Amino acid sequence: MKTNSEYMLRKIAGETILIPTGSASQKLNGMIRLTETAAFIWQQVDTASDLAEIVERLQEEYEVDRETANQDVHGFLYQLYIRDIVRDIPEFEENPGGEKQ
């Protein structure tokens, strides 16, 4: 599981933004504004072993219930996955559609 290195996370004027660079900037003309939770999830992708680990980290950080954390992680990362902004997520490769297993 990894983030696409052509997307850079930046904080600009108090907003957290994903900025496409290189060939990604030709596919996405603009920037993606992230909520605090979305930015946290993004920052976990390169160090977590799987989606369940990100769910656990999100629960610890924000003290949310497992179902909410699970929906947030799967929903957000699936949208990035289908756009090639995150890659190599076995749960989505094995289960197209991003449904929880």
N, C-alpha and C. Protein backbone atom coordinates (compact mmCIF):
# COMPACT_ATOMS: atom_id res chain seq x y z
N MET A 1 0.85 -1.16 0.00
CA MET A 1 0.00 0.00 0.00
C MET A 1 0.91 1.23 0.00
N LYS A 2 0.61 2.15 -0.92
CA LYS A 2 1.45 3.34 -0.97
C LYS A 2 0.71 4.49 -1.65
N THR A 3 1.16 5.70 -1.35
CA THR A 3 0.63 6.87 -2.02
C THR A 3 1.35 7.05 -3.35
N ASN A 4 0.67 7.64 -4.30
CA ASN A 4 1.29 7.96 -5.59
C ASN A 4 2.24 9.13 -5.35
N SER A 5 3.51 8.94 -5.65
CA SER A 5 4.52 9.97 -5.36
C SER A 5 4.34 11.24 -6.18
N GLU A 6 3.44 11.22 -7.15
CA GLU A 6 3.18 12.43 -7.94
C GLU A 6 2.17 13.36 -7.26
N TYR A 7 1.72 12.99 -6.07
CA TYR A 7 0.82 13.85 -5.29
C TYR A 7 1.53 14.28 -4.03
N MET A 8 1.55 15.58 -3.79
CA MET A 8 2.24 16.13 -2.63
C MET A 8 1.21 16.71 -1.66
N LEU A 9 1.38 16.40 -0.38
CA LEU A 9 0.51 16.94 0.66
C LEU A 9 1.14 18.23 1.16
N ARG A 10 0.37 19.31 1.13
CA ARG A 10 0.87 20.60 1.58
C ARG A 10 -0.19 21.29 2.42
N LYS A 11 0.26 22.11 3.35
CA LYS A 11 -0.63 22.96 4.12
C LYS A 11 -0.48 24.38 3.57
N ILE A 12 -1.57 24.93 3.08
CA ILE A 12 -1.54 26.27 2.47
C ILE A 12 -2.67 27.08 3.09
N ALA A 13 -2.31 28.18 3.71
CA ALA A 13 -3.29 29.09 4.32
C ALA A 13 -4.27 28.34 5.22
N GLY A 14 -3.75 27.42 6.02
CA GLY A 14 -4.58 26.67 6.96
C GLY A 14 -5.36 25.52 6.35
N GLU A 15 -5.23 25.32 5.06
CA GLU A 15 -5.92 24.21 4.38
C GLU A 15 -4.90 23.12 4.05
N THR A 16 -5.32 21.87 4.16
CA THR A 16 -4.46 20.76 3.76
C THR A 16 -4.87 20.34 2.36
N ILE A 17 -3.90 20.33 1.46
CA ILE A 17 -4.17 20.14 0.04
C ILE A 17 -3.27 19.06 -0.55
N LEU A 18 -3.84 18.24 -1.43
CA LEU A 18 -3.06 17.31 -2.25
C LEU A 18 -2.85 17.98 -3.60
N ILE A 19 -1.61 18.10 -3.99
CA ILE A 19 -1.27 18.78 -5.24
C ILE A 19 -0.67 17.78 -6.21
N PRO A 20 -1.28 17.63 -7.39
CA PRO A 20 -0.71 16.72 -8.39
C PRO A 20 0.51 17.36 -9.05
N THR A 21 1.53 16.56 -9.29
CA THR A 21 2.73 17.03 -9.99
C THR A 21 3.01 16.07 -11.15
N GLY A 22 3.95 16.41 -11.99
CA GLY A 22 4.34 15.54 -13.08
C GLY A 22 3.16 15.16 -13.96
N SER A 23 3.11 13.91 -14.39
CA SER A 23 2.03 13.47 -15.28
C SER A 23 0.67 13.49 -14.58
N ALA A 24 0.65 13.40 -13.26
CA ALA A 24 -0.62 13.46 -12.53
C ALA A 24 -1.30 14.81 -12.72
N SER A 25 -0.51 15.87 -12.90
CA SER A 25 -1.10 17.19 -13.09
C SER A 25 -1.81 17.31 -14.43
N GLN A 26 -1.49 16.43 -15.36
CA GLN A 26 -2.20 16.43 -16.64
C GLN A 26 -3.53 15.70 -16.53
N LYS A 27 -3.63 14.78 -15.57
CA LYS A 27 -4.88 14.03 -15.36
C LYS A 27 -5.84 14.80 -14.46
N LEU A 28 -5.30 15.50 -13.49
CA LEU A 28 -6.11 16.25 -12.54
C LEU A 28 -5.68 17.71 -12.58
N ASN A 29 -6.53 18.52 -13.13
CA ASN A 29 -6.24 19.95 -13.25
C ASN A 29 -6.82 20.65 -12.03
N GLY A 30 -6.02 20.81 -11.00
CA GLY A 30 -6.48 21.43 -9.78
C GLY A 30 -5.82 20.80 -8.58
N MET A 31 -6.46 20.99 -7.43
CA MET A 31 -5.94 20.45 -6.18
C MET A 31 -7.09 19.78 -5.45
N ILE A 32 -6.74 18.94 -4.49
CA ILE A 32 -7.74 18.26 -3.68
C ILE A 32 -7.61 18.77 -2.24
N ARG A 33 -8.66 19.40 -1.76
CA ARG A 33 -8.66 19.89 -0.37
C ARG A 33 -9.09 18.76 0.54
N LEU A 34 -8.32 18.50 1.59
CA LEU A 34 -8.59 17.40 2.51
C LEU A 34 -9.08 17.92 3.85
N THR A 35 -10.00 17.17 4.44
CA THR A 35 -10.37 17.45 5.82
C THR A 35 -9.22 16.99 6.72
N GLU A 36 -9.32 17.32 7.98
CA GLU A 36 -8.29 16.89 8.93
C GLU A 36 -8.21 15.36 8.98
N THR A 37 -9.36 14.71 8.98
CA THR A 37 -9.40 13.24 9.02
C THR A 37 -8.83 12.64 7.75
N ALA A 38 -9.18 13.19 6.60
CA ALA A 38 -8.67 12.68 5.33
C ALA A 38 -7.15 12.83 5.27
N ALA A 39 -6.64 13.97 5.73
CA ALA A 39 -5.19 14.17 5.74
C ALA A 39 -4.51 13.14 6.66
N PHE A 40 -5.12 12.86 7.80
CA PHE A 40 -4.56 11.86 8.71
C PHE A 40 -4.51 10.50 8.01
N ILE A 41 -5.60 10.11 7.36
CA ILE A 41 -5.65 8.82 6.66
C ILE A 41 -4.56 8.77 5.59
N TRP A 42 -4.44 9.83 4.80
CA TRP A 42 -3.42 9.90 3.74
C TRP A 42 -2.03 9.66 4.34
N GLN A 43 -1.75 10.27 5.46
CA GLN A 43 -0.43 10.17 6.07
C GLN A 43 -0.13 8.78 6.61
N GLN A 44 -1.14 7.94 6.77
CA GLN A 44 -0.93 6.59 7.29
C GLN A 44 -0.63 5.57 6.19
N VAL A 45 -0.99 5.89 4.96
CA VAL A 45 -0.93 4.90 3.87
C VAL A 45 0.45 4.28 3.69
N ASP A 46 1.49 5.07 3.67
CA ASP A 46 2.82 4.54 3.37
C ASP A 46 3.44 3.73 4.51
N THR A 47 2.89 3.83 5.72
CA THR A 47 3.48 3.12 6.85
C THR A 47 2.61 1.99 7.40
N ALA A 48 1.36 1.95 7.01
CA ALA A 48 0.46 0.90 7.51
C ALA A 48 0.59 -0.36 6.67
N SER A 49 0.38 -1.50 7.30
CA SER A 49 0.48 -2.77 6.58
C SER A 49 -0.80 -3.09 5.82
N ASP A 50 -1.94 -2.57 6.32
CA ASP A 50 -3.21 -2.83 5.65
C ASP A 50 -4.25 -1.80 6.12
N LEU A 51 -5.44 -1.89 5.55
CA LEU A 51 -6.49 -0.94 5.89
C LEU A 51 -6.93 -1.06 7.35
N ALA A 52 -6.91 -2.28 7.89
CA ALA A 52 -7.31 -2.48 9.28
C ALA A 52 -6.40 -1.70 10.23
N GLU A 53 -5.13 -1.62 9.90
CA GLU A 53 -4.19 -0.85 10.73
C GLU A 53 -4.51 0.64 10.69
N ILE A 54 -4.88 1.14 9.52
CA ILE A 54 -5.27 2.56 9.41
C ILE A 54 -6.55 2.80 10.21
N VAL A 55 -7.49 1.87 10.15
CA VAL A 55 -8.72 1.99 10.94
C VAL A 55 -8.38 2.08 12.42
N GLU A 56 -7.51 1.23 12.90
CA GLU A 56 -7.10 1.25 14.31
C GLU A 56 -6.45 2.58 14.68
N ARG A 57 -5.56 3.06 13.83
CA ARG A 57 -4.88 4.33 14.09
C ARG A 57 -5.89 5.48 14.13
N LEU A 58 -6.86 5.45 13.23
CA LEU A 58 -7.88 6.50 13.19
C LEU A 58 -8.71 6.47 14.46
N GLN A 59 -9.06 5.29 14.92
CA GLN A 59 -9.82 5.15 16.17
C GLN A 59 -9.04 5.72 17.35
N GLU A 60 -7.75 5.44 17.39
CA GLU A 60 -6.92 5.94 18.49
C GLU A 60 -6.79 7.46 18.44
N GLU A 61 -6.59 7.99 17.25
CA GLU A 61 -6.36 9.43 17.10
C GLU A 61 -7.62 10.25 17.37
N TYR A 62 -8.75 9.78 16.89
CA TYR A 62 -9.98 10.58 16.95
C TYR A 62 -11.05 10.02 17.88
N GLU A 63 -10.77 8.90 18.53
CA GLU A 63 -11.72 8.29 19.46
C GLU A 63 -13.10 8.11 18.83
N VAL A 64 -13.12 7.51 17.64
CA VAL A 64 -14.38 7.20 16.96
C VAL A 64 -14.61 5.70 17.04
N ASP A 65 -15.86 5.29 16.84
CA ASP A 65 -16.17 3.87 16.89
C ASP A 65 -15.61 3.18 15.65
N ARG A 66 -15.46 1.87 15.75
CA ARG A 66 -14.84 1.09 14.68
C ARG A 66 -15.60 1.20 13.36
N GLU A 67 -16.92 1.15 13.40
CA GLU A 67 -17.72 1.21 12.18
C GLU A 67 -17.50 2.53 11.44
N THR A 68 -17.51 3.64 12.16
CA THR A 68 -17.29 4.94 11.54
C THR A 68 -15.89 5.03 10.95
N ALA A 69 -14.89 4.60 11.72
CA ALA A 69 -13.51 4.62 11.23
C ALA A 69 -13.36 3.74 10.00
N ASN A 70 -13.97 2.57 10.03
CA ASN A 70 -13.90 1.64 8.91
C ASN A 70 -14.51 2.26 7.65
N GLN A 71 -15.69 2.86 7.79
CA GLN A 71 -16.35 3.49 6.65
C GLN A 71 -15.51 4.65 6.11
N ASP A 72 -14.96 5.47 6.99
CA ASP A 72 -14.15 6.61 6.56
C ASP A 72 -12.91 6.16 5.79
N VAL A 73 -12.20 5.20 6.34
CA VAL A 73 -10.96 4.73 5.71
C VAL A 73 -11.25 4.07 4.37
N HIS A 74 -12.18 3.13 4.36
CA HIS A 74 -12.48 2.42 3.11
C HIS A 74 -13.06 3.36 2.06
N GLY A 75 -13.99 4.21 2.44
CA GLY A 75 -14.62 5.11 1.49
C GLY A 75 -13.63 6.09 0.87
N PHE A 76 -12.85 6.75 1.72
CA PHE A 76 -11.89 7.74 1.23
C PHE A 76 -10.80 7.10 0.38
N LEU A 77 -10.19 6.04 0.90
CA LEU A 77 -9.09 5.43 0.15
C LEU A 77 -9.56 4.75 -1.13
N TYR A 78 -10.77 4.23 -1.16
CA TYR A 78 -11.26 3.64 -2.41
C TYR A 78 -11.40 4.71 -3.49
N GLN A 79 -11.90 5.88 -3.12
CA GLN A 79 -12.02 6.96 -4.10
C GLN A 79 -10.64 7.38 -4.64
N LEU A 80 -9.64 7.39 -3.78
CA LEU A 80 -8.28 7.71 -4.24
C LEU A 80 -7.71 6.57 -5.07
N TYR A 81 -8.00 5.34 -4.68
CA TYR A 81 -7.48 4.15 -5.37
C TYR A 81 -7.98 4.10 -6.82
N ILE A 82 -9.25 4.32 -7.03
CA ILE A 82 -9.78 4.23 -8.40
C ILE A 82 -9.27 5.36 -9.28
N ARG A 83 -8.71 6.39 -8.67
CA ARG A 83 -8.13 7.52 -9.42
C ARG A 83 -6.60 7.44 -9.47
N ASP A 84 -6.03 6.33 -8.99
CA ASP A 84 -4.59 6.09 -8.97
C ASP A 84 -3.82 7.10 -8.12
N ILE A 85 -4.46 7.60 -7.07
CA ILE A 85 -3.79 8.53 -6.16
C ILE A 85 -3.14 7.74 -5.02
N VAL A 86 -3.70 6.59 -4.70
CA VAL A 86 -3.05 5.60 -3.84
C VAL A 86 -3.01 4.30 -4.63
N ARG A 87 -2.04 3.46 -4.31
CA ARG A 87 -1.81 2.24 -5.08
C ARG A 87 -1.57 1.05 -4.18
N ASP A 88 -1.66 -0.12 -4.81
CA ASP A 88 -1.28 -1.37 -4.16
C ASP A 88 -2.02 -1.61 -2.84
N ILE A 89 -3.34 -1.52 -2.90
CA ILE A 89 -4.15 -1.82 -1.72
C ILE A 89 -4.80 -3.17 -1.97
N PRO A 90 -4.23 -4.22 -1.38
CA PRO A 90 -4.72 -5.59 -1.67
C PRO A 90 -6.22 -5.76 -1.42
N GLU A 91 -6.76 -5.12 -0.39
CA GLU A 91 -8.18 -5.26 -0.10
C GLU A 91 -9.05 -4.82 -1.28
N PHE A 92 -8.60 -3.80 -2.02
CA PHE A 92 -9.38 -3.32 -3.16
C PHE A 92 -9.08 -4.15 -4.41
N GLU A 93 -7.87 -4.65 -4.52
CA GLU A 93 -7.53 -5.49 -5.68
C GLU A 93 -8.26 -6.83 -5.59
N GLU A 94 -8.42 -7.34 -4.39
CA GLU A 94 -9.11 -8.61 -4.18
C GLU A 94 -10.62 -8.46 -4.21
N ASN A 95 -11.09 -7.25 -3.87
CA ASN A 95 -12.52 -7.02 -3.71
C ASN A 95 -12.91 -5.73 -4.41
N PRO A 96 -13.00 -5.73 -5.74
CA PRO A 96 -13.36 -4.51 -6.45
C PRO A 96 -14.66 -3.93 -5.92
N GLY A 97 -14.71 -2.62 -5.85
CA GLY A 97 -15.88 -1.95 -5.34
C GLY A 97 -15.66 -1.39 -3.95
N GLY A 98 -14.55 -1.79 -3.32
CA GLY A 98 -14.18 -1.21 -2.04
C GLY A 98 -15.03 -1.63 -0.87
N GLU A 99 -15.87 -2.66 -1.05
CA GLU A 99 -16.72 -3.09 0.05
C GLU A 99 -15.88 -3.68 1.17
N LYS A 100 -16.32 -3.43 2.38
CA LYS A 100 -15.63 -3.96 3.54
C LYS A 100 -15.69 -5.47 3.54
N GLN A 101 -14.62 -6.09 4.00
CA GLN A 101 -14.57 -7.55 4.04
C GLN A 101 -14.89 -8.06 5.41
